[in-house]
Amino acid sequence: MRNYFAAGERLEITASSDIASGAGVLVGNLFGVAEGAIANGQNGVIVLTGVFDLPKAPSQAWTVGVRVYWDAANARCTTTASGNTLIGAAAAAVGGGAGVTVGRVRLNGVAS
């Protein structure tokens, strides 16, 4: 196909602030994970699909398949829909509690 451009798993962005490697990034209607550190004003790549370990709200327990949202204000995942952006689903069960701050998320490739 002459019009094929890319598989769409990765996207090059220009950072509007410093982004750490592995950090969640919301760009319009797309959510991805930074492939490497991206300095403010520089170009870098975010990965839009796949399964990632991401920061989560510690008070929440997750079951496999529960919808996961991005809480941009706190830069972490949550199961609370109100005011947050849907990014995927839990790929593993995880407990709640103060020490449980990471959850495994399968990204949808879009944010809604």
C-alpha atoms as a PDB file:
ATOM      1  CA  MET A   1       0.000   0.000   0.000  1.00  0.00           C
ATOM      2  CA  ARG A   2       1.388   3.345  -0.977  1.00  0.00           C
ATOM      3  CA  ASN A   3      -0.552   5.186   1.716  1.00  0.00           C
ATOM      4  CA  TYR A   4       0.690   3.067   4.673  1.00  0.00           C
ATOM      5  CA  PHE A   5       2.736   5.173   7.087  1.00  0.00           C
ATOM      6  CA  ALA A   6       3.281   3.245  10.331  1.00  0.00           C
ATOM      7  CA  ALA A   7       1.849   0.548  12.616  1.00  0.00           C
ATOM      8  CA  GLY A   8       0.664   3.251  15.027  1.00  0.00           C
ATOM      9  CA  GLU A   9       2.061   1.743  18.211  1.00  0.00           C
ATOM     10  CA  ARG A  10       4.378   4.701  18.752  1.00  0.00           C
ATOM     11  CA  LEU A  11       3.978   8.420  18.204  1.00  0.00           C
ATOM     12  CA  GLU A  12       6.537  11.207  18.123  1.00  0.00           C
ATOM     13  CA  ILE A  13       5.519  14.209  20.223  1.00  0.00           C
ATOM     14  CA  THR A  14       7.013  17.532  21.274  1.00  0.00           C
ATOM     15  CA  ALA A  15       7.124  17.770  25.066  1.00  0.00           C
ATOM     16  CA  SER A  16       5.448  20.795  26.672  1.00  0.00           C
ATOM     17  CA  SER A  17       7.343  20.026  29.912  1.00  0.00           C
ATOM     18  CA  ASP A  18      10.042  17.577  31.002  1.00  0.00           C
ATOM     19  CA  ILE A  19       8.792  13.976  30.781  1.00  0.00           C
ATOM     20  CA  ALA A  20      10.499  11.093  32.579  1.00  0.00           C
ATOM     21  CA  SER A  21      11.084   7.773  30.864  1.00  0.00           C
ATOM     22  CA  GLY A  22       8.101   5.523  31.584  1.00  0.00           C
ATOM     23  CA  ALA A  23       5.796   8.396  32.553  1.00  0.00           C
ATOM     24  CA  GLY A  24       2.191   8.533  31.381  1.00  0.00           C
ATOM     25  CA  VAL A  25       1.522  11.242  28.802  1.00  0.00           C
ATOM     26  CA  LEU A  26      -1.865  12.582  27.701  1.00  0.00           C
ATOM     27  CA  VAL A  27      -1.766  14.349  24.314  1.00  0.00           C
ATOM     28  CA  GLY A  28      -5.221  15.420  23.189  1.00  0.00           C
ATOM     29  CA  ASN A  29      -7.185  12.193  22.703  1.00  0.00           C
ATOM     30  CA  LEU A  30      -4.097   9.980  22.869  1.00  0.00           C
ATOM     31  CA  PHE A  31      -2.457   8.474  25.942  1.00  0.00           C
ATOM     32  CA  GLY A  32       0.931   6.833  25.906  1.00  0.00           C
ATOM     33  CA  VAL A  33       3.988   6.019  27.954  1.00  0.00           C
ATOM     34  CA  ALA A  34       7.252   7.864  27.307  1.00  0.00           C
ATOM     35  CA  GLU A  35       9.760   5.525  25.671  1.00  0.00           C
ATOM     36  CA  GLY A  36      12.620   7.588  27.099  1.00  0.00           C
ATOM     37  CA  ALA A  37      13.116  10.886  28.893  1.00  0.00           C
ATOM     38  CA  ILE A  38      11.925  13.875  26.845  1.00  0.00           C
ATOM     39  CA  ALA A  39      13.131  17.378  27.704  1.00  0.00           C
ATOM     40  CA  ASN A  40      10.768  20.346  27.501  1.00  0.00           C
ATOM     41  CA  GLY A  41      10.487  21.503  23.887  1.00  0.00           C
ATOM     42  CA  GLN A  42      12.219  18.402  22.519  1.00  0.00           C
ATOM     43  CA  ASN A  43      10.790  15.596  20.408  1.00  0.00           C
ATOM     44  CA  GLY A  44      10.398  12.123  21.832  1.00  0.00           C
ATOM     45  CA  VAL A  45       8.342   8.976  21.438  1.00  0.00           C
ATOM     46  CA  ILE A  46       5.363   7.717  23.415  1.00  0.00           C
ATOM     47  CA  VAL A  47       4.100   4.138  23.173  1.00  0.00           C
ATOM     48  CA  LEU A  48       0.326   4.011  22.663  1.00  0.00           C
ATOM     49  CA  THR A  49      -0.449   0.306  23.028  1.00  0.00           C
ATOM     50  CA  GLY A  50       0.790  -2.512  25.198  1.00  0.00           C
ATOM     51  CA  VAL A  51       0.797  -3.468  28.869  1.00  0.00           C
ATOM     52  CA  PHE A  52       2.572  -1.187  31.339  1.00  0.00           C
ATOM     53  CA  ASP A  53       3.107  -0.897  35.084  1.00  0.00           C
ATOM     54  CA  LEU A  54       1.880   2.605  35.961  1.00  0.00           C
ATOM     55  CA  PRO A  55       1.332   4.591  39.168  1.00  0.00           C
ATOM     56  CA  LYS A  56      -2.140   4.135  40.646  1.00  0.00           C
ATOM     57  CA  ALA A  57      -4.311   5.519  43.410  1.00  0.00           C
ATOM     58  CA  PRO A  58      -3.169   3.503  46.457  1.00  0.00           C
ATOM     59  CA  SER A  59      -6.639   3.244  47.998  1.00  0.00           C
ATOM     60  CA  GLN A  60      -8.044   1.237  45.076  1.00  0.00           C
ATOM     61  CA  ALA A  61      -8.036  -2.522  44.521  1.00  0.00           C
ATOM     62  CA  TRP A  62      -8.343  -3.588  40.865  1.00  0.00           C
ATOM     63  CA  THR A  63      -9.717  -6.719  39.232  1.00  0.00           C
ATOM     64  CA  VAL A  64      -8.609  -7.868  35.787  1.00  0.00           C
ATOM     65  CA  GLY A  65     -10.513  -6.011  33.075  1.00  0.00           C
ATOM     66  CA  VAL A  66     -11.749  -3.092  35.175  1.00  0.00           C
ATOM     67  CA  ARG A  67     -11.667   0.217  33.285  1.00  0.00           C
ATOM     68  CA  VAL A  68      -8.650   2.354  34.105  1.00  0.00           C
ATOM     69  CA  TYR A  69      -8.612   6.142  33.790  1.00  0.00           C
ATOM     70  CA  TRP A  70      -5.796   8.698  33.840  1.00  0.00           C
ATOM     71  CA  ASP A  71      -5.964  11.232  36.670  1.00  0.00           C
ATOM     72  CA  ALA A  72      -3.943  14.051  35.083  1.00  0.00           C
ATOM     73  CA  ALA A  73      -4.015  16.195  38.235  1.00  0.00           C
ATOM     74  CA  ASN A  74      -2.200  13.491  40.225  1.00  0.00           C
ATOM     75  CA  ALA A  75      -0.349  11.835  37.287  1.00  0.00           C
ATOM     76  CA  ARG A  76      -1.640   8.362  38.138  1.00  0.00           C
ATOM     77  CA  CYS A  77      -4.212   5.759  37.161  1.00  0.00           C
ATOM     78  CA  THR A  78      -7.566   5.372  38.852  1.00  0.00           C
ATOM     79  CA  THR A  79     -10.820   3.468  38.488  1.00  0.00           C
ATOM     80  CA  THR A  80     -12.745   6.708  39.116  1.00  0.00           C
ATOM     81  CA  ALA A  81     -14.330   7.858  35.850  1.00  0.00           C
ATOM     82  CA  SER A  82     -15.544  11.309  36.906  1.00  0.00           C
ATOM     83  CA  GLY A  83     -13.159  14.032  35.729  1.00  0.00           C
ATOM     84  CA  ASN A  84     -10.614  11.526  34.391  1.00  0.00           C
ATOM     85  CA  THR A  85      -9.720  10.071  30.970  1.00  0.00           C
ATOM     86  CA  LEU A  86     -10.259   6.417  29.997  1.00  0.00           C
ATOM     87  CA  ILE A  87      -6.926   4.904  28.896  1.00  0.00           C
ATOM     88  CA  GLY A  88      -7.420   1.139  29.089  1.00  0.00           C
ATOM     89  CA  ALA A  89      -8.120  -1.751  31.435  1.00  0.00           C
ATOM     90  CA  ALA A  90      -6.391  -3.494  34.310  1.00  0.00           C
ATOM     91  CA  ALA A  91      -4.235  -6.363  33.033  1.00  0.00           C
ATOM     92  CA  ALA A  92      -3.675  -7.828  36.504  1.00  0.00           C
ATOM     93  CA  ALA A  93      -5.476  -7.841  39.820  1.00  0.00           C
ATOM     94  CA  VAL A  94      -3.908  -5.608  42.439  1.00  0.00           C
ATOM     95  CA  GLY A  95      -4.768  -4.850  46.048  1.00  0.00           C
ATOM     96  CA  GLY A  96      -5.501  -1.499  47.611  1.00  0.00           C
ATOM     97  CA  GLY A  97      -3.675   0.119  50.480  1.00  0.00           C
ATOM     98  CA  ALA A  98      -1.041   2.733  51.167  1.00  0.00           C
ATOM     99  CA  GLY A  99       1.840   0.594  49.903  1.00  0.00           C
ATOM    100  CA  VAL A 100       0.173  -0.498  46.646  1.00  0.00           C
ATOM    101  CA  THR A 101       0.972   2.325  44.242  1.00  0.00           C
ATOM    102  CA  VAL A 102       1.517   0.508  40.916  1.00  0.00           C
ATOM    103  CA  GLY A 103      -0.998  -1.253  38.675  1.00  0.00           C
ATOM    104  CA  ARG A 104      -0.630  -3.153  35.410  1.00  0.00           C
ATOM    105  CA  VAL A 105      -2.617  -1.493  32.596  1.00  0.00           C
ATOM    106  CA  ARG A 106      -3.351  -2.546  29.023  1.00  0.00           C
ATOM    107  CA  LEU A 107      -3.516   0.680  27.025  1.00  0.00           C
ATOM    108  CA  ASN A 108      -6.313   1.141  24.475  1.00  0.00           C
ATOM    109  CA  GLY A 109      -4.260   3.355  22.170  1.00  0.00           C
ATOM    110  CA  VAL A 110      -6.705   6.250  22.552  1.00  0.00           C
ATOM    111  CA  ALA A 111      -7.976   8.280  25.477  1.00  0.00           C
ATOM    112  CA  SER A 112     -11.649   9.051  25.935  1.00  0.00           C
END
